mmCIF file of all heavy atoms, coordinates in Angstrom:
data_MODEL
# 
_entry.id   MODEL 
# 
loop_
_atom_site.group_PDB 
_atom_site.id 
_atom_site.type_symbol 
_atom_site.label_atom_id 
_atom_site.label_alt_id 
_atom_site.label_comp_id 
_atom_site.label_asym_id 
_atom_site.label_entity_id 
_atom_site.label_seq_id 
_atom_site.pdbx_PDB_ins_code 
_atom_site.Cartn_x 
_atom_site.Cartn_y 
_atom_site.Cartn_z 
_atom_site.occupancy 
_atom_site.B_iso_or_equiv 
_atom_site.pdbx_formal_charge 
_atom_site.auth_seq_id 
_atom_site.auth_comp_id 
_atom_site.auth_asym_id 
_atom_site.auth_atom_id 
_atom_site.pdbx_PDB_model_num 
ATOM 1   N N   . PRO A 1 1  ? 16.014  4.146   1.576  1.00 0.00 ? 1  PRO A N   1 
ATOM 2   C CA  . PRO A 1 1  ? 16.682  5.407   1.229  1.00 0.00 ? 1  PRO A CA  1 
ATOM 3   C C   . PRO A 1 1  ? 17.996  5.532   2.005  1.00 0.00 ? 1  PRO A C   1 
ATOM 4   O O   . PRO A 1 1  ? 18.211  4.833   2.993  1.00 0.00 ? 1  PRO A O   1 
ATOM 5   C CB  . PRO A 1 1  ? 15.671  6.469   1.668  1.00 0.00 ? 1  PRO A CB  1 
ATOM 6   C CG  . PRO A 1 1  ? 14.892  5.816   2.755  1.00 0.00 ? 1  PRO A CG  1 
ATOM 7   C CD  . PRO A 1 1  ? 14.828  4.357   2.395  1.00 0.00 ? 1  PRO A CD  1 
ATOM 8   N N   . PRO A 1 2  ? 18.864  6.418   1.568  1.00 0.00 ? 2  PRO A N   1 
ATOM 9   C CA  . PRO A 1 2  ? 20.098  6.645   2.330  1.00 0.00 ? 2  PRO A CA  1 
ATOM 10  C C   . PRO A 1 2  ? 19.775  7.088   3.760  1.00 0.00 ? 2  PRO A C   1 
ATOM 11  O O   . PRO A 1 2  ? 18.717  7.668   4.020  1.00 0.00 ? 2  PRO A O   1 
ATOM 12  C CB  . PRO A 1 2  ? 20.798  7.769   1.564  1.00 0.00 ? 2  PRO A CB  1 
ATOM 13  C CG  . PRO A 1 2  ? 20.209  7.720   0.195  1.00 0.00 ? 2  PRO A CG  1 
ATOM 14  C CD  . PRO A 1 2  ? 18.813  7.220   0.350  1.00 0.00 ? 2  PRO A CD  1 
ATOM 15  N N   . GLN A 1 3  ? 20.659  6.826   4.672  1.00 0.00 ? 3  GLN A N   1 
ATOM 16  C CA  . GLN A 1 3  ? 20.444  7.145   6.072  1.00 0.00 ? 3  GLN A CA  1 
ATOM 17  C C   . GLN A 1 3  ? 20.184  8.641   6.264  1.00 0.00 ? 3  GLN A C   1 
ATOM 18  O O   . GLN A 1 3  ? 20.819  9.481   5.618  1.00 0.00 ? 3  GLN A O   1 
ATOM 19  C CB  . GLN A 1 3  ? 21.663  6.713   6.884  1.00 0.00 ? 3  GLN A CB  1 
ATOM 20  C CG  . GLN A 1 3  ? 21.432  6.735   8.375  1.00 0.00 ? 3  GLN A CG  1 
ATOM 21  C CD  . GLN A 1 3  ? 22.591  6.140   9.145  1.00 0.00 ? 3  GLN A CD  1 
ATOM 22  O OE1 . GLN A 1 3  ? 23.654  5.906   8.591  1.00 0.00 ? 3  GLN A OE1 1 
ATOM 23  N NE2 . GLN A 1 3  ? 22.379  5.879   10.415 1.00 0.00 ? 3  GLN A NE2 1 
ATOM 24  N N   . PHE A 1 4  ? 19.231  8.950   7.138  1.00 0.00 ? 4  PHE A N   1 
ATOM 25  C CA  . PHE A 1 4  ? 18.833  10.323  7.492  1.00 0.00 ? 4  PHE A CA  1 
ATOM 26  C C   . PHE A 1 4  ? 18.161  11.078  6.340  1.00 0.00 ? 4  PHE A C   1 
ATOM 27  O O   . PHE A 1 4  ? 18.181  12.304  6.298  1.00 0.00 ? 4  PHE A O   1 
ATOM 28  C CB  . PHE A 1 4  ? 20.018  11.143  8.024  1.00 0.00 ? 4  PHE A CB  1 
ATOM 29  C CG  . PHE A 1 4  ? 20.728  10.480  9.170  1.00 0.00 ? 4  PHE A CG  1 
ATOM 30  C CD1 . PHE A 1 4  ? 22.048  10.084  9.047  1.00 0.00 ? 4  PHE A CD1 1 
ATOM 31  C CD2 . PHE A 1 4  ? 20.070  10.231  10.366 1.00 0.00 ? 4  PHE A CD2 1 
ATOM 32  C CE1 . PHE A 1 4  ? 22.710  9.462   10.091 1.00 0.00 ? 4  PHE A CE1 1 
ATOM 33  C CE2 . PHE A 1 4  ? 20.717  9.607   11.423 1.00 0.00 ? 4  PHE A CE2 1 
ATOM 34  C CZ  . PHE A 1 4  ? 22.041  9.230   11.290 1.00 0.00 ? 4  PHE A CZ  1 
ATOM 35  N N   . THR A 1 5  ? 17.596  10.355  5.372  1.00 0.00 ? 5  THR A N   1 
ATOM 36  C CA  . THR A 1 5  ? 16.846  10.995  4.288  1.00 0.00 ? 5  THR A CA  1 
ATOM 37  C C   . THR A 1 5  ? 15.483  10.343  4.166  1.00 0.00 ? 5  THR A C   1 
ATOM 38  O O   . THR A 1 5  ? 15.273  9.219   4.626  1.00 0.00 ? 5  THR A O   1 
ATOM 39  C CB  . THR A 1 5  ? 17.568  10.880  2.928  1.00 0.00 ? 5  THR A CB  1 
ATOM 40  O OG1 . THR A 1 5  ? 17.658  9.501   2.578  1.00 0.00 ? 5  THR A OG1 1 
ATOM 41  C CG2 . THR A 1 5  ? 18.949  11.505  2.986  1.00 0.00 ? 5  THR A CG2 1 
ATOM 42  N N   . PHE A 1 6  ? 14.552  11.058  3.553  1.00 0.00 ? 6  PHE A N   1 
ATOM 43  C CA  . PHE A 1 6  ? 13.235  10.522  3.284  1.00 0.00 ? 6  PHE A CA  1 
ATOM 44  C C   . PHE A 1 6  ? 13.246  9.837   1.929  1.00 0.00 ? 6  PHE A C   1 
ATOM 45  O O   . PHE A 1 6  ? 13.970  10.255  1.024  1.00 0.00 ? 6  PHE A O   1 
ATOM 46  C CB  . PHE A 1 6  ? 12.173  11.631  3.283  1.00 0.00 ? 6  PHE A CB  1 
ATOM 47  C CG  . PHE A 1 6  ? 11.944  12.249  4.634  1.00 0.00 ? 6  PHE A CG  1 
ATOM 48  C CD1 . PHE A 1 6  ? 12.377  13.535  4.893  1.00 0.00 ? 6  PHE A CD1 1 
ATOM 49  C CD2 . PHE A 1 6  ? 11.307  11.542  5.634  1.00 0.00 ? 6  PHE A CD2 1 
ATOM 50  C CE1 . PHE A 1 6  ? 12.168  14.118  6.132  1.00 0.00 ? 6  PHE A CE1 1 
ATOM 51  C CE2 . PHE A 1 6  ? 11.097  12.104  6.877  1.00 0.00 ? 6  PHE A CE2 1 
ATOM 52  C CZ  . PHE A 1 6  ? 11.536  13.394  7.132  1.00 0.00 ? 6  PHE A CZ  1 
ATOM 53  N N   . GLY A 1 7  ? 12.411  8.821   1.770  1.00 0.00 ? 7  GLY A N   1 
ATOM 54  C CA  . GLY A 1 7  ? 12.278  8.163   0.476  1.00 0.00 ? 7  GLY A CA  1 
ATOM 55  C C   . GLY A 1 7  ? 11.366  8.948   -0.445 1.00 0.00 ? 7  GLY A C   1 
ATOM 56  O O   . GLY A 1 7  ? 10.754  9.934   -0.060 1.00 0.00 ? 7  GLY A O   1 
ATOM 57  N N   . ASN A 1 8  ? 11.230  8.490   -1.675 1.00 0.00 ? 8  ASN A N   1 
ATOM 58  C CA  . ASN A 1 8  ? 10.406  9.192   -2.662 1.00 0.00 ? 8  ASN A CA  1 
ATOM 59  C C   . ASN A 1 8  ? 9.029   8.552   -2.847 1.00 0.00 ? 8  ASN A C   1 
ATOM 60  O O   . ASN A 1 8  ? 8.283   8.947   -3.735 1.00 0.00 ? 8  ASN A O   1 
ATOM 61  C CB  . ASN A 1 8  ? 11.132  9.269   -4.012 1.00 0.00 ? 8  ASN A CB  1 
ATOM 62  C CG  . ASN A 1 8  ? 11.354  7.901   -4.638 1.00 0.00 ? 8  ASN A CG  1 
ATOM 63  O OD1 . ASN A 1 8  ? 10.992  6.868   -4.073 1.00 0.00 ? 8  ASN A OD1 1 
ATOM 64  N ND2 . ASN A 1 8  ? 11.956  7.896   -5.818 1.00 0.00 ? 8  ASN A ND2 1 
ATOM 65  N N   . ALA A 1 9  ? 8.673   7.564   -2.032 1.00 0.00 ? 9  ALA A N   1 
ATOM 66  C CA  . ALA A 1 9  ? 7.392   6.861   -2.188 1.00 0.00 ? 9  ALA A CA  1 
ATOM 67  C C   . ALA A 1 9  ? 6.235   7.691   -1.636 1.00 0.00 ? 9  ALA A C   1 
ATOM 68  O O   . ALA A 1 9  ? 6.340   8.310   -0.584 1.00 0.00 ? 9  ALA A O   1 
ATOM 69  C CB  . ALA A 1 9  ? 7.442   5.516   -1.475 1.00 0.00 ? 9  ALA A CB  1 
ATOM 70  N N   . ASN A 1 10 ? 5.142   7.691   -2.357 1.00 0.00 ? 10 ASN A N   1 
ATOM 71  C CA  . ASN A 1 10 ? 3.905   8.316   -1.886 1.00 0.00 ? 10 ASN A CA  1 
ATOM 72  C C   . ASN A 1 10 ? 3.154   7.326   -1.005 1.00 0.00 ? 10 ASN A C   1 
ATOM 73  O O   . ASN A 1 10 ? 3.508   6.143   -0.920 1.00 0.00 ? 10 ASN A O   1 
ATOM 74  C CB  . ASN A 1 10 ? 3.024   8.703   -3.070 1.00 0.00 ? 10 ASN A CB  1 
ATOM 75  C CG  . ASN A 1 10 ? 3.623   9.802   -3.903 1.00 0.00 ? 10 ASN A CG  1 
ATOM 76  O OD1 . ASN A 1 10 ? 4.322   10.664  -3.380 1.00 0.00 ? 10 ASN A OD1 1 
ATOM 77  N ND2 . ASN A 1 10 ? 3.370   9.762   -5.203 1.00 0.00 ? 10 ASN A ND2 1 
ATOM 78  N N   . ARG A 1 11 ? 2.091   7.794   -0.405 1.00 0.00 ? 11 ARG A N   1 
ATOM 79  C CA  . ARG A 1 11 ? 1.217   6.889   0.336  1.00 0.00 ? 11 ARG A CA  1 
ATOM 80  C C   . ARG A 1 11 ? 0.413   6.032   -0.638 1.00 0.00 ? 11 ARG A C   1 
ATOM 81  O O   . ARG A 1 11 ? 0.117   6.454   -1.748 1.00 0.00 ? 11 ARG A O   1 
ATOM 82  C CB  . ARG A 1 11 ? 0.233   7.691   1.188  1.00 0.00 ? 11 ARG A CB  1 
ATOM 83  C CG  . ARG A 1 11 ? 0.884   8.403   2.338  1.00 0.00 ? 11 ARG A CG  1 
ATOM 84  C CD  . ARG A 1 11 ? -0.124  9.127   3.162  1.00 0.00 ? 11 ARG A CD  1 
ATOM 85  N NE  . ARG A 1 11 ? -1.185  8.214   3.579  1.00 0.00 ? 11 ARG A NE  1 
ATOM 86  C CZ  . ARG A 1 11 ? -2.351  8.616   4.045  1.00 0.00 ? 11 ARG A CZ  1 
ATOM 87  N NH1 . ARG A 1 11 ? -2.620  9.887   4.137  1.00 0.00 ? 11 ARG A NH1 1 
ATOM 88  N NH2 . ARG A 1 11 ? -3.258  7.743   4.406  1.00 0.00 ? 11 ARG A NH2 1 
ATOM 89  N N   . SER A 1 12 ? 0.070   4.848   -0.215 1.00 0.00 ? 12 SER A N   1 
ATOM 90  C CA  . SER A 1 12 ? -0.841  3.973   -0.968 1.00 0.00 ? 12 SER A CA  1 
ATOM 91  C C   . SER A 1 12 ? -0.344  3.675   -2.378 1.00 0.00 ? 12 SER A C   1 
ATOM 92  O O   . SER A 1 12 ? -1.089  3.792   -3.349 1.00 0.00 ? 12 SER A O   1 
ATOM 93  C CB  . SER A 1 12 ? -2.243  4.582   -1.021 1.00 0.00 ? 12 SER A CB  1 
ATOM 94  O OG  . SER A 1 12 ? -2.710  4.860   0.272  1.00 0.00 ? 12 SER A OG  1 
ATOM 95  N N   . ILE A 1 13 ? 0.901   3.271   -2.519 1.00 0.00 ? 13 ILE A N   1 
ATOM 96  C CA  . ILE A 1 13 ? 1.431   2.947   -3.848 1.00 0.00 ? 13 ILE A CA  1 
ATOM 97  C C   . ILE A 1 13 ? 1.098   1.511   -4.240 1.00 0.00 ? 13 ILE A C   1 
ATOM 98  O O   . ILE A 1 13 ? 1.264   1.135   -5.396 1.00 0.00 ? 13 ILE A O   1 
ATOM 99  C CB  . ILE A 1 13 ? 2.946   3.166   -3.934 1.00 0.00 ? 13 ILE A CB  1 
ATOM 100 C CG1 . ILE A 1 13 ? 3.693   2.294   -2.922 1.00 0.00 ? 13 ILE A CG1 1 
ATOM 101 C CG2 . ILE A 1 13 ? 3.301   4.624   -3.769 1.00 0.00 ? 13 ILE A CG2 1 
ATOM 102 C CD1 . ILE A 1 13 ? 5.199   2.297   -3.079 1.00 0.00 ? 13 ILE A CD1 1 
ATOM 103 N N   . LEU A 1 14 ? 0.614   0.708   -3.291 1.00 0.00 ? 14 LEU A N   1 
ATOM 104 C CA  . LEU A 1 14 ? 0.276   -0.689  -3.568 1.00 0.00 ? 14 LEU A CA  1 
ATOM 105 C C   . LEU A 1 14 ? -1.223  -0.903  -3.514 1.00 0.00 ? 14 LEU A C   1 
ATOM 106 O O   . LEU A 1 14 ? -1.928  -0.263  -2.737 1.00 0.00 ? 14 LEU A O   1 
ATOM 107 C CB  . LEU A 1 14 ? 0.942   -1.615  -2.549 1.00 0.00 ? 14 LEU A CB  1 
ATOM 108 C CG  . LEU A 1 14 ? 2.459   -1.635  -2.555 1.00 0.00 ? 14 LEU A CG  1 
ATOM 109 C CD1 . LEU A 1 14 ? 2.977   -2.432  -1.376 1.00 0.00 ? 14 LEU A CD1 1 
ATOM 110 C CD2 . LEU A 1 14 ? 2.961   -2.222  -3.855 1.00 0.00 ? 14 LEU A CD2 1 
ATOM 111 N N   . THR A 1 15 ? -1.689  -1.821  -4.339 1.00 0.00 ? 15 THR A N   1 
ATOM 112 C CA  . THR A 1 15 ? -3.087  -2.222  -4.323 1.00 0.00 ? 15 THR A CA  1 
ATOM 113 C C   . THR A 1 15 ? -3.165  -3.617  -3.712 1.00 0.00 ? 15 THR A C   1 
ATOM 114 O O   . THR A 1 15 ? -2.530  -4.547  -4.200 1.00 0.00 ? 15 THR A O   1 
ATOM 115 C CB  . THR A 1 15 ? -3.665  -2.253  -5.754 1.00 0.00 ? 15 THR A CB  1 
ATOM 116 O OG1 . THR A 1 15 ? -3.506  -0.959  -6.318 1.00 0.00 ? 15 THR A OG1 1 
ATOM 117 C CG2 . THR A 1 15 ? -5.121  -2.642  -5.744 1.00 0.00 ? 15 THR A CG2 1 
ATOM 118 N N   . GLY A 1 16 ? -3.911  -3.748  -2.629 1.00 0.00 ? 16 GLY A N   1 
ATOM 119 C CA  . GLY A 1 16 ? -4.030  -5.029  -1.932 1.00 0.00 ? 16 GLY A CA  1 
ATOM 120 C C   . GLY A 1 16 ? -5.046  -5.941  -2.590 1.00 0.00 ? 16 GLY A C   1 
ATOM 121 O O   . GLY A 1 16 ? -5.702  -5.582  -3.566 1.00 0.00 ? 16 GLY A O   1 
ATOM 122 N N   . PRO A 1 17 ? -5.164  -7.151  -2.047 1.00 0.00 ? 17 PRO A N   1 
ATOM 123 C CA  . PRO A 1 17 ? -6.142  -8.094  -2.590 1.00 0.00 ? 17 PRO A CA  1 
ATOM 124 C C   . PRO A 1 17 ? -7.563  -7.602  -2.345 1.00 0.00 ? 17 PRO A C   1 
ATOM 125 O O   . PRO A 1 17 ? -7.842  -6.923  -1.362 1.00 0.00 ? 17 PRO A O   1 
ATOM 126 C CB  . PRO A 1 17 ? -5.864  -9.392  -1.825 1.00 0.00 ? 17 PRO A CB  1 
ATOM 127 C CG  . PRO A 1 17 ? -5.042  -9.008  -0.660 1.00 0.00 ? 17 PRO A CG  1 
ATOM 128 C CD  . PRO A 1 17 ? -4.401  -7.704  -0.949 1.00 0.00 ? 17 PRO A CD  1 
ATOM 129 N N   . GLY A 1 18 ? -8.438  -7.914  -3.251 1.00 0.00 ? 18 GLY A N   1 
ATOM 130 C CA  . GLY A 1 18 ? -9.827  -7.474  -3.142 1.00 0.00 ? 18 GLY A CA  1 
ATOM 131 C C   . GLY A 1 18 ? -10.623 -8.304  -2.146 1.00 0.00 ? 18 GLY A C   1 
ATOM 132 O O   . GLY A 1 18 ? -10.108 -9.213  -1.499 1.00 0.00 ? 18 GLY A O   1 
ATOM 133 N N   . LEU A 1 19 ? -11.888 -7.986  -2.043 1.00 0.00 ? 19 LEU A N   1 
ATOM 134 C CA  . LEU A 1 19 ? -12.797 -8.673  -1.139 1.00 0.00 ? 19 LEU A CA  1 
ATOM 135 C C   . LEU A 1 19 ? -14.000 -9.146  -1.934 1.00 0.00 ? 19 LEU A C   1 
ATOM 136 O O   . LEU A 1 19 ? -14.631 -8.360  -2.642 1.00 0.00 ? 19 LEU A O   1 
ATOM 137 C CB  . LEU A 1 19 ? -13.243 -7.724  -0.022 1.00 0.00 ? 19 LEU A CB  1 
ATOM 138 C CG  . LEU A 1 19 ? -14.249 -8.266  0.970  1.00 0.00 ? 19 LEU A CG  1 
ATOM 139 C CD1 . LEU A 1 19 ? -13.600 -9.348  1.826  1.00 0.00 ? 19 LEU A CD1 1 
ATOM 140 C CD2 . LEU A 1 19 ? -14.771 -7.158  1.844  1.00 0.00 ? 19 LEU A CD2 1 
ATOM 141 N N   . ALA A 1 20 ? -14.286 -10.436 -1.854 1.00 0.00 ? 20 ALA A N   1 
ATOM 142 C CA  . ALA A 1 20 ? -15.478 -11.002 -2.496 1.00 0.00 ? 20 ALA A CA  1 
ATOM 143 C C   . ALA A 1 20 ? -16.224 -11.781 -1.431 1.00 0.00 ? 20 ALA A C   1 
ATOM 144 O O   . ALA A 1 20 ? -15.715 -12.768 -0.903 1.00 0.00 ? 20 ALA A O   1 
ATOM 145 C CB  . ALA A 1 20 ? -15.088 -11.920 -3.650 1.00 0.00 ? 20 ALA A CB  1 
ATOM 146 N N   . ASN A 1 21 ? -17.411 -11.306 -1.101 1.00 0.00 ? 21 ASN A N   1 
ATOM 147 C CA  . ASN A 1 21 ? -18.137 -11.901 0.012  1.00 0.00 ? 21 ASN A CA  1 
ATOM 148 C C   . ASN A 1 21 ? -19.623 -11.960 -0.323 1.00 0.00 ? 21 ASN A C   1 
ATOM 149 O O   . ASN A 1 21 ? -20.202 -10.968 -0.777 1.00 0.00 ? 21 ASN A O   1 
ATOM 150 C CB  . ASN A 1 21 ? -17.912 -11.055 1.272  1.00 0.00 ? 21 ASN A CB  1 
ATOM 151 C CG  . ASN A 1 21 ? -18.294 -11.787 2.534  1.00 0.00 ? 21 ASN A CG  1 
ATOM 152 O OD1 . ASN A 1 21 ? -18.487 -12.993 2.523  1.00 0.00 ? 21 ASN A OD1 1 
ATOM 153 N ND2 . ASN A 1 21 ? -18.403 -11.052 3.610  1.00 0.00 ? 21 ASN A ND2 1 
ATOM 154 N N   . VAL A 1 22 ? -20.251 -13.116 -0.084 1.00 0.00 ? 22 VAL A N   1 
ATOM 155 C CA  . VAL A 1 22 ? -21.679 -13.291 -0.281 1.00 0.00 ? 22 VAL A CA  1 
ATOM 156 C C   . VAL A 1 22 ? -22.254 -13.843 1.014  1.00 0.00 ? 22 VAL A C   1 
ATOM 157 O O   . VAL A 1 22 ? -21.836 -14.909 1.478  1.00 0.00 ? 22 VAL A O   1 
ATOM 158 C CB  . VAL A 1 22 ? -21.985 -14.254 -1.451 1.00 0.00 ? 22 VAL A CB  1 
ATOM 159 C CG1 . VAL A 1 22 ? -23.481 -14.511 -1.560 1.00 0.00 ? 22 VAL A CG1 1 
ATOM 160 C CG2 . VAL A 1 22 ? -21.447 -13.712 -2.754 1.00 0.00 ? 22 VAL A CG2 1 
ATOM 161 N N   . ASN A 1 23 ? -23.176 -13.103 1.618  1.00 0.00 ? 23 ASN A N   1 
ATOM 162 C CA  . ASN A 1 23 ? -23.867 -13.551 2.820  1.00 0.00 ? 23 ASN A CA  1 
ATOM 163 C C   . ASN A 1 23 ? -25.297 -13.895 2.445  1.00 0.00 ? 23 ASN A C   1 
ATOM 164 O O   . ASN A 1 23 ? -25.943 -13.179 1.684  1.00 0.00 ? 23 ASN A O   1 
ATOM 165 C CB  . ASN A 1 23 ? -23.863 -12.460 3.894  1.00 0.00 ? 23 ASN A CB  1 
ATOM 166 C CG  . ASN A 1 23 ? -22.468 -12.119 4.363  1.00 0.00 ? 23 ASN A CG  1 
ATOM 167 O OD1 . ASN A 1 23 ? -21.573 -12.952 4.341  1.00 0.00 ? 23 ASN A OD1 1 
ATOM 168 N ND2 . ASN A 1 23 ? -22.285 -10.884 4.784  1.00 0.00 ? 23 ASN A ND2 1 
ATOM 169 N N   . LEU A 1 24 ? -25.800 -15.014 2.978  1.00 0.00 ? 24 LEU A N   1 
ATOM 170 C CA  . LEU A 1 24 ? -27.158 -15.453 2.683  1.00 0.00 ? 24 LEU A CA  1 
ATOM 171 C C   . LEU A 1 24 ? -27.937 -15.648 3.968  1.00 0.00 ? 24 LEU A C   1 
ATOM 172 O O   . LEU A 1 24 ? -27.361 -16.000 5.002  1.00 0.00 ? 24 LEU A O   1 
ATOM 173 C CB  . LEU A 1 24 ? -27.142 -16.782 1.922  1.00 0.00 ? 24 LEU A CB  1 
ATOM 174 C CG  . LEU A 1 24 ? -26.527 -16.793 0.541  1.00 0.00 ? 24 LEU A CG  1 
ATOM 175 C CD1 . LEU A 1 24 ? -26.501 -18.212 -0.016 1.00 0.00 ? 24 LEU A CD1 1 
ATOM 176 C CD2 . LEU A 1 24 ? -27.313 -15.896 -0.389 1.00 0.00 ? 24 LEU A CD2 1 
# 
């Protein structure tokens, strides 16, 4: 964003990689 201003992005706009786990 321009200097001394806030951006327009919300929190959590990205989705990260998932988790696939099998314990035996």
